[in-house]
Amino acid sequence: LLTFRQGQANLVEVTLPADTPLAGRPVRSVKLPVDSALVVILRGGRVIVPQGDDALEPGDELLFVATTAVEEDIRAALLH
């Protein structure tokens, strides 16, 4: 979506599918790669600044800041 700092970091968007196994799980339980940070959850027109206890829901749009090297690792952690 966006590139920061001369291509070293990107804004990465992942939408959780309807059948996500992460539904109901708190943000803190998701194992994300090093060099990535979940910065916002977009849900039904709302902007949620994620806290560890916030539960994920199907259809959530998750925005991360991450290095280019770990973009696919983020998707693997959330979608597989």
PDB file of N, CA and C in Angstrom:
ATOM      1  N   LEU A   1       0.810  -1.201   0.000  1.00  0.00           N
ATOM      2  CA  LEU A   1       0.000   0.000   0.000  1.00  0.00           C
ATOM      3  C   LEU A   1       0.853   1.263   0.000  1.00  0.00           C
ATOM      4  N   LEU A   2       1.837   1.297   0.856  1.00  0.00           N
ATOM      5  CA  LEU A   2       2.697   2.463   1.012  1.00  0.00           C
ATOM      6  C   LEU A   2       4.104   2.003   1.345  1.00  0.00           C
ATOM      7  N   THR A   3       5.081   2.794   0.948  1.00  0.00           N
ATOM      8  CA  THR A   3       6.465   2.486   1.278  1.00  0.00           C
ATOM      9  C   THR A   3       7.050   3.634   2.090  1.00  0.00           C
ATOM     10  N   PHE A   4       7.770   3.290   3.157  1.00  0.00           N
ATOM     11  CA  PHE A   4       8.383   4.266   4.038  1.00  0.00           C
ATOM     12  C   PHE A   4       9.902   4.142   3.989  1.00  0.00           C
ATOM     13  N   ARG A   5      10.569   5.176   4.396  1.00  0.00           N
ATOM     14  CA  ARG A   5      12.016   5.174   4.618  1.00  0.00           C
ATOM     15  C   ARG A   5      12.797   4.525   3.489  1.00  0.00           C
ATOM     16  N   GLN A   6      12.643   5.071   2.315  1.00  0.00           N
ATOM     17  CA  GLN A   6      13.424   4.637   1.155  1.00  0.00           C
ATOM     18  C   GLN A   6      13.281   3.153   0.875  1.00  0.00           C
ATOM     19  N   GLY A   7      12.065   2.640   1.022  1.00  0.00           N
ATOM     20  CA  GLY A   7      11.789   1.257   0.665  1.00  0.00           C
ATOM     21  C   GLY A   7      12.086   0.235   1.733  1.00  0.00           C
ATOM     22  N   GLN A   8      12.474   0.659   2.936  1.00  0.00           N
ATOM     23  CA  GLN A   8      12.830  -0.300   3.980  1.00  0.00           C
ATOM     24  C   GLN A   8      11.615  -0.832   4.738  1.00  0.00           C
ATOM     25  N   ALA A   9      10.511  -0.104   4.726  1.00  0.00           N
ATOM     26  CA  ALA A   9       9.303  -0.558   5.428  1.00  0.00           C
ATOM     27  C   ALA A   9       8.084  -0.224   4.585  1.00  0.00           C
ATOM     28  N   ASN A  10       7.074  -1.057   4.702  1.00  0.00           N
ATOM     29  CA  ASN A  10       5.847  -0.890   3.933  1.00  0.00           C
ATOM     30  C   ASN A  10       4.633  -0.936   4.836  1.00  0.00           C
ATOM     31  N   LEU A  11       3.543  -0.362   4.369  1.00  0.00           N
ATOM     32  CA  LEU A  11       2.247  -0.539   4.998  1.00  0.00           C
ATOM     33  C   LEU A  11       1.608  -1.728   4.302  1.00  0.00           C
ATOM     34  N   VAL A  12       1.273  -2.756   5.068  1.00  0.00           N
ATOM     35  CA  VAL A  12       0.755  -4.013   4.531  1.00  0.00           C
ATOM     36  C   VAL A  12      -0.667  -4.216   5.043  1.00  0.00           C
ATOM     37  N   GLU A  13      -1.591  -4.571   4.145  1.00  0.00           N
ATOM     38  CA  GLU A  13      -2.994  -4.797   4.511  1.00  0.00           C
ATOM     39  C   GLU A  13      -3.325  -6.263   4.322  1.00  0.00           C
ATOM     40  N   VAL A  14      -3.987  -6.843   5.329  1.00  0.00           N
ATOM     41  CA  VAL A  14      -4.474  -8.221   5.250  1.00  0.00           C
ATOM     42  C   VAL A  14      -5.913  -8.218   5.751  1.00  0.00           C
ATOM     43  N   THR A  15      -6.830  -8.805   4.973  1.00  0.00           N
ATOM     44  CA  THR A  15      -8.218  -8.939   5.404  1.00  0.00           C
ATOM     45  C   THR A  15      -8.449 -10.378   5.847  1.00  0.00           C
ATOM     46  N   LEU A  16      -8.949 -10.528   7.066  1.00  0.00           N
ATOM     47  CA  LEU A  16      -9.208 -11.876   7.576  1.00  0.00           C
ATOM     48  C   LEU A  16     -10.417 -12.469   6.862  1.00  0.00           C
ATOM     49  N   PRO A  17     -10.307 -13.697   6.361  1.00  0.00           N
ATOM     50  CA  PRO A  17     -11.424 -14.329   5.658  1.00  0.00           C
ATOM     51  C   PRO A  17     -12.554 -14.726   6.611  1.00  0.00           C
ATOM     52  N   ALA A  18     -13.710 -14.998   6.044  1.00  0.00           N
ATOM     53  CA  ALA A  18     -14.893 -15.369   6.835  1.00  0.00           C
ATOM     54  C   ALA A  18     -14.648 -16.606   7.695  1.00  0.00           C
ATOM     55  N   ASP A  19     -13.802 -17.505   7.227  1.00  0.00           N
ATOM     56  CA  ASP A  19     -13.555 -18.753   7.953  1.00  0.00           C
ATOM     57  C   ASP A  19     -12.246 -18.728   8.746  1.00  0.00           C
ATOM     58  N   THR A  20     -11.785 -17.538   9.112  1.00  0.00           N
ATOM     59  CA  THR A  20     -10.504 -17.434   9.807  1.00  0.00           C
ATOM     60  C   THR A  20     -10.503 -18.190  11.135  1.00  0.00           C
ATOM     61  N   PRO A  21      -9.472 -18.969  11.372  1.00  0.00           N
ATOM     62  CA  PRO A  21      -9.353 -19.646  12.667  1.00  0.00           C
ATOM     63  C   PRO A  21      -8.973 -18.671  13.791  1.00  0.00           C
ATOM     64  N   LEU A  22      -8.667 -17.436  13.431  1.00  0.00           N
ATOM     65  CA  LEU A  22      -8.294 -16.430  14.425  1.00  0.00           C
ATOM     66  C   LEU A  22      -9.504 -15.732  15.048  1.00  0.00           C
ATOM     67  N   ALA A  23     -10.699 -16.012  14.548  1.00  0.00           N
ATOM     68  CA  ALA A  23     -11.907 -15.357  15.070  1.00  0.00           C
ATOM     69  C   ALA A  23     -12.025 -15.581  16.569  1.00  0.00           C
ATOM     70  N   GLY A  24     -12.209 -14.481  17.288  1.00  0.00           N
ATOM     71  CA  GLY A  24     -12.365 -14.549  18.730  1.00  0.00           C
ATOM     72  C   GLY A  24     -11.059 -14.573  19.505  1.00  0.00           C
ATOM     73  N   ARG A  25      -9.948 -14.763  18.819  1.00  0.00           N
ATOM     74  CA  ARG A  25      -8.653 -14.801  19.509  1.00  0.00           C
ATOM     75  C   ARG A  25      -8.139 -13.391  19.753  1.00  0.00           C
ATOM     76  N   PRO A  26      -7.497 -13.157  20.893  1.00  0.00           N
ATOM     77  CA  PRO A  26      -6.956 -11.828  21.159  1.00  0.00           C
ATOM     78  C   PRO A  26      -5.738 -11.535  20.282  1.00  0.00           C
ATOM     79  N   VAL A  27      -5.546 -10.272  19.996  1.00  0.00           N
ATOM     80  CA  VAL A  27      -4.419  -9.833  19.177  1.00  0.00           C
ATOM     81  C   VAL A  27      -3.100 -10.369  19.733  1.00  0.00           C
ATOM     82  N   ARG A  28      -2.945 -10.379  21.046  1.00  0.00           N
ATOM     83  CA  ARG A  28      -1.665 -10.802  21.652  1.00  0.00           C
ATOM     84  C   ARG A  28      -1.322 -12.263  21.361  1.00  0.00           C
ATOM     85  N   SER A  29      -2.299 -13.073  20.964  1.00  0.00           N
ATOM     86  CA  SER A  29      -2.035 -14.489  20.715  1.00  0.00           C
ATOM     87  C   SER A  29      -1.494 -14.760  19.315  1.00  0.00           C
ATOM     88  N   VAL A  30      -1.520 -13.767  18.442  1.00  0.00           N
ATOM     89  CA  VAL A  30      -1.051 -13.941  17.067  1.00  0.00           C
ATOM     90  C   VAL A  30       0.464 -13.769  17.043  1.00  0.00           C
ATOM     91  N   LYS A  31       1.144 -14.773  16.554  1.00  0.00           N
ATOM     92  CA  LYS A  31       2.606 -14.752  16.470  1.00  0.00           C
ATOM     93  C   LYS A  31       3.017 -14.072  15.167  1.00  0.00           C
ATOM     94  N   LEU A  32       3.473 -12.844  15.282  1.00  0.00           N
ATOM     95  CA  LEU A  32       3.904 -12.082  14.119  1.00  0.00           C
ATOM     96  C   LEU A  32       5.421 -12.109  14.001  1.00  0.00           C
ATOM     97  N   PRO A  33       5.925 -11.964  12.782  1.00  0.00           N
ATOM     98  CA  PRO A  33       7.381 -11.964  12.619  1.00  0.00           C
ATOM     99  C   PRO A  33       8.021 -10.710  13.215  1.00  0.00           C
ATOM    100  N   VAL A  34       9.293 -10.829  13.526  1.00  0.00           N
ATOM    101  CA  VAL A  34      10.087  -9.680  13.941  1.00  0.00           C
ATOM    102  C   VAL A  34      10.056  -8.665  12.800  1.00  0.00           C
ATOM    103  N   ASP A  35      10.164  -7.414  13.119  1.00  0.00           N
ATOM    104  CA  ASP A  35      10.148  -6.331  12.132  1.00  0.00           C
ATOM    105  C   ASP A  35       8.773  -6.111  11.524  1.00  0.00           C
ATOM    106  N   SER A  36       7.716  -6.404  12.313  1.00  0.00           N
ATOM    107  CA  SER A  36       6.355  -6.105  11.886  1.00  0.00           C
ATOM    108  C   SER A  36       5.557  -5.622  13.092  1.00  0.00           C
ATOM    109  N   ALA A  37       4.597  -4.750  12.827  1.00  0.00           N
ATOM    110  CA  ALA A  37       3.744  -4.238  13.899  1.00  0.00           C
ATOM    111  C   ALA A  37       2.330  -4.031  13.370  1.00  0.00           C
ATOM    112  N   LEU A  38       1.354  -4.558  14.089  1.00  0.00           N
ATOM    113  CA  LEU A  38      -0.047  -4.308  13.779  1.00  0.00           C
ATOM    114  C   LEU A  38      -0.378  -2.910  14.293  1.00  0.00           C
ATOM    115  N   VAL A  39      -0.786  -2.009  13.407  1.00  0.00           N
ATOM    116  CA  VAL A  39      -1.008  -0.626  13.818  1.00  0.00           C
ATOM    117  C   VAL A  39      -2.479  -0.231  13.870  1.00  0.00           C
ATOM    118  N   VAL A  40      -3.336  -0.910  13.117  1.00  0.00           N
ATOM    119  CA  VAL A  40      -4.758  -0.562  13.158  1.00  0.00           C
ATOM    120  C   VAL A  40      -5.598  -1.735  12.654  1.00  0.00           C
ATOM    121  N   ILE A  41      -6.805  -1.834  13.218  1.00  0.00           N
ATOM    122  CA  ILE A  41      -7.813  -2.780  12.743  1.00  0.00           C
ATOM    123  C   ILE A  41      -8.965  -1.930  12.215  1.00  0.00           C
ATOM    124  N   LEU A  42      -9.361  -2.173  10.978  1.00  0.00           N
ATOM    125  CA  LEU A  42     -10.524  -1.505  10.403  1.00  0.00           C
ATOM    126  C   LEU A  42     -11.675  -2.504  10.430  1.00  0.00           C
ATOM    127  N   ARG A  43     -12.769  -2.104  11.095  1.00  0.00           N
ATOM    128  CA  ARG A  43     -13.897  -3.030  11.270  1.00  0.00           C
ATOM    129  C   ARG A  43     -15.203  -2.252  11.170  1.00  0.00           C
ATOM    130  N   GLY A  44     -15.983  -2.560  10.132  1.00  0.00           N
ATOM    131  CA  GLY A  44     -17.311  -1.967  10.001  1.00  0.00           C
ATOM    132  C   GLY A  44     -17.330  -0.452  10.097  1.00  0.00           C
ATOM    133  N   GLY A  45     -16.396   0.206   9.441  1.00  0.00           N
ATOM    134  CA  GLY A  45     -16.352   1.653   9.477  1.00  0.00           C
ATOM    135  C   GLY A  45     -15.658   2.237  10.691  1.00  0.00           C
ATOM    136  N   ARG A  46     -15.188   1.381  11.579  1.00  0.00           N
ATOM    137  CA  ARG A  46     -14.477   1.839  12.777  1.00  0.00           C
ATOM    138  C   ARG A  46     -12.975   1.667  12.599  1.00  0.00           C
ATOM    139  N   VAL A  47     -12.235   2.543  13.258  1.00  0.00           N
ATOM    140  CA  VAL A  47     -10.783   2.447  13.318  1.00  0.00           C
ATOM    141  C   VAL A  47     -10.435   2.056  14.748  1.00  0.00           C
ATOM    142  N   ILE A  48      -9.795   0.902  14.900  1.00  0.00           N
ATOM    143  CA  ILE A  48      -9.459   0.383  16.225  1.00  0.00           C
ATOM    144  C   ILE A  48      -7.944   0.346  16.360  1.00  0.00           C
ATOM    145  N   VAL A  49      -7.429   1.035  17.362  1.00  0.00           N
ATOM    146  CA  VAL A  49      -6.016   0.925  17.693  1.00  0.00           C
ATOM    147  C   VAL A  49      -5.890  -0.340  18.542  1.00  0.00           C
ATOM    148  N   PRO A  50      -5.222  -1.357  18.017  1.00  0.00           N
ATOM    149  CA  PRO A  50      -5.248  -2.662  18.687  1.00  0.00           C
ATOM    150  C   PRO A  50      -4.551  -2.685  20.030  1.00  0.00           C
ATOM    151  N   GLN A  51      -5.221  -3.320  20.966  1.00  0.00           N
ATOM    152  CA  GLN A  51      -4.672  -3.622  22.288  1.00  0.00           C
ATOM    153  C   GLN A  51      -4.582  -5.141  22.387  1.00  0.00           C
ATOM    154  N   GLY A  52      -3.761  -5.633  23.257  1.00  0.00           N
ATOM    155  CA  GLY A  52      -3.530  -7.074  23.379  1.00  0.00           C
ATOM    156  C   GLY A  52      -4.775  -7.907  23.581  1.00  0.00           C
ATOM    157  N   ASP A  53      -5.774  -7.364  24.278  1.00  0.00           N
ATOM    158  CA  ASP A  53      -6.992  -8.126  24.570  1.00  0.00           C
ATOM    159  C   ASP A  53      -8.068  -8.016  23.494  1.00  0.00           C
ATOM    160  N   ASP A  54      -7.880  -7.161  22.490  1.00  0.00           N
ATOM    161  CA  ASP A  54      -8.881  -7.015  21.433  1.00  0.00           C
ATOM    162  C   ASP A  54      -8.994  -8.308  20.637  1.00  0.00           C
ATOM    163  N   ALA A  55     -10.217  -8.786  20.465  1.00  0.00           N
ATOM    164  CA  ALA A  55     -10.451 -10.017  19.712  1.00  0.00           C
ATOM    165  C   ALA A  55     -10.541  -9.716  18.221  1.00  0.00           C
ATOM    166  N   LEU A  56      -9.967 -10.600  17.435  1.00  0.00           N
ATOM    167  CA  LEU A  56     -10.053 -10.484  15.978  1.00  0.00           C
ATOM    168  C   LEU A  56     -11.380 -11.040  15.500  1.00  0.00           C
ATOM    169  N   GLU A  57     -11.868 -10.512  14.371  1.00  0.00           N
ATOM    170  CA  GLU A  57     -13.131 -10.960  13.795  1.00  0.00           C
ATOM    171  C   GLU A  57     -12.978 -11.188  12.293  1.00  0.00           C
ATOM    172  N   PRO A  58     -13.773 -12.113  11.738  1.00  0.00           N
ATOM    173  CA  PRO A  58     -13.759 -12.290  10.286  1.00  0.00           C
ATOM    174  C   PRO A  58     -14.080 -10.960   9.603  1.00  0.00           C
ATOM    175  N   GLY A  59     -13.382 -10.696   8.511  1.00  0.00           N
ATOM    176  CA  GLY A  59     -13.598  -9.463   7.763  1.00  0.00           C
ATOM    177  C   GLY A  59     -12.780  -8.283   8.260  1.00  0.00           C
ATOM    178  N   ASP A  60     -12.108  -8.428   9.401  1.00  0.00           N
ATOM    179  CA  ASP A  60     -11.239  -7.347   9.870  1.00  0.00           C
ATOM    180  C   ASP A  60     -10.175  -7.061   8.827  1.00  0.00           C
ATOM    181  N   GLU A  61      -9.938  -5.765   8.585  1.00  0.00           N
ATOM    182  CA  GLU A  61      -8.812  -5.354   7.761  1.00  0.00           C
ATOM    183  C   GLU A  61      -7.704  -4.947   8.727  1.00  0.00           C
ATOM    184  N   LEU A  62      -6.584  -5.619   8.635  1.00  0.00           N
ATOM    185  CA  LEU A  62      -5.466  -5.376   9.532  1.00  0.00           C
ATOM    186  C   LEU A  62      -4.374  -4.644   8.760  1.00  0.00           C
ATOM    187  N   LEU A  63      -3.893  -3.548   9.326  1.00  0.00           N
ATOM    188  CA  LEU A  63      -2.817  -2.796   8.702  1.00  0.00           C
ATOM    189  C   LEU A  63      -1.557  -2.910   9.550  1.00  0.00           C
ATOM    190  N   PHE A  64      -0.478  -3.270   8.890  1.00  0.00           N
ATOM    191  CA  PHE A  64       0.812  -3.480   9.530  1.00  0.00           C
ATOM    192  C   PHE A  64       1.843  -2.552   8.926  1.00  0.00           C
ATOM    193  N   VAL A  65       2.821  -2.173   9.713  1.00  0.00           N
ATOM    194  CA  VAL A  65       4.055  -1.605   9.197  1.00  0.00           C
ATOM    195  C   VAL A  65       5.081  -2.713   9.339  1.00  0.00           C
ATOM    196  N   ALA A  66       5.772  -3.000   8.231  1.00  0.00           N
ATOM    197  CA  ALA A  66       6.704  -4.132   8.240  1.00  0.00           C
ATOM    198  C   ALA A  66       7.795  -3.930   7.204  1.00  0.00           C
ATOM    199  N   THR A  67       8.909  -4.596   7.439  1.00  0.00           N
ATOM    200  CA  THR A  67       9.952  -4.592   6.415  1.00  0.00           C
ATOM    201  C   THR A  67       9.490  -5.457   5.253  1.00  0.00           C
ATOM    202  N   THR A  68      10.023  -5.168   4.103  1.00  0.00           N
ATOM    203  CA  THR A  68       9.672  -5.914   2.897  1.00  0.00           C
ATOM    204  C   THR A  68       9.941  -7.407   3.069  1.00  0.00           C
ATOM    205  N   ALA A  69      10.987  -7.732   3.790  1.00  0.00           N
ATOM    206  CA  ALA A  69      11.397  -9.127   3.948  1.00  0.00           C
ATOM    207  C   ALA A  69      10.371  -9.988   4.669  1.00  0.00           C
ATOM    208  N   VAL A  70       9.493  -9.398   5.492  1.00  0.00           N
ATOM    209  CA  VAL A  70       8.573 -10.214   6.284  1.00  0.00           C
ATOM    210  C   VAL A  70       7.105 -10.107   5.843  1.00  0.00           C
ATOM    211  N   GLU A  71       6.843  -9.430   4.741  1.00  0.00           N
ATOM    212  CA  GLU A  71       5.446  -9.277   4.288  1.00  0.00           C
ATOM    213  C   GLU A  71       4.749 -10.620   4.100  1.00  0.00           C
ATOM    214  N   GLU A  72       5.395 -11.543   3.447  1.00  0.00           N
ATOM    215  CA  GLU A  72       4.774 -12.848   3.214  1.00  0.00           C
ATOM    216  C   GLU A  72       4.650 -13.643   4.506  1.00  0.00           C
ATOM    217  N   ASP A  73       5.555 -13.434   5.445  1.00  0.00           N
ATOM    218  CA  ASP A  73       5.470 -14.103   6.740  1.00  0.00           C
ATOM    219  C   ASP A  73       4.235 -13.642   7.511  1.00  0.00           C
ATOM    220  N   ILE A  74       3.886 -12.373   7.382  1.00  0.00           N
ATOM    221  CA  ILE A  74       2.675 -11.852   8.014  1.00  0.00           C
ATOM    222  C   ILE A  74       1.450 -12.567   7.446  1.00  0.00           C
ATOM    223  N   ARG A  75       1.368 -12.619   6.129  1.00  0.00           N
ATOM    224  CA  ARG A  75       0.226 -13.291   5.491  1.00  0.00           C
ATOM    225  C   ARG A  75       0.158 -14.765   5.899  1.00  0.00           C
ATOM    226  N   ALA A  76       1.310 -15.422   5.955  1.00  0.00           N
ATOM    227  CA  ALA A  76       1.342 -16.832   6.353  1.00  0.00           C
ATOM    228  C   ALA A  76       0.831 -17.007   7.786  1.00  0.00           C
ATOM    229  N   ALA A  77       1.188 -16.099   8.668  1.00  0.00           N
ATOM    230  CA  ALA A  77       0.780 -16.197  10.072  1.00  0.00           C
ATOM    231  C   ALA A  77      -0.723 -15.994  10.230  1.00  0.00           C
ATOM    232  N   LEU A  78      -1.328 -15.217   9.356  1.00  0.00           N
ATOM    233  CA  LEU A  78      -2.737 -14.864   9.491  1.00  0.00           C
ATOM    234  C   LEU A  78      -3.672 -15.679   8.611  1.00  0.00           C
ATOM    235  N   LEU A  79      -3.199 -16.152   7.499  1.00  0.00           N
ATOM    236  CA  LEU A  79      -4.107 -16.765   6.522  1.00  0.00           C
ATOM    237  C   LEU A  79      -3.915 -18.261   6.353  1.00  0.00           C
ATOM    238  N   HIS A  80      -2.976 -18.853   7.039  1.00  0.00           N
ATOM    239  CA  HIS A  80      -2.762 -20.304   6.876  1.00  0.00           C
ATOM    240  C   HIS A  80      -2.946 -21.030   8.182  1.00  0.00           C
TER     241      HIS A  80
END
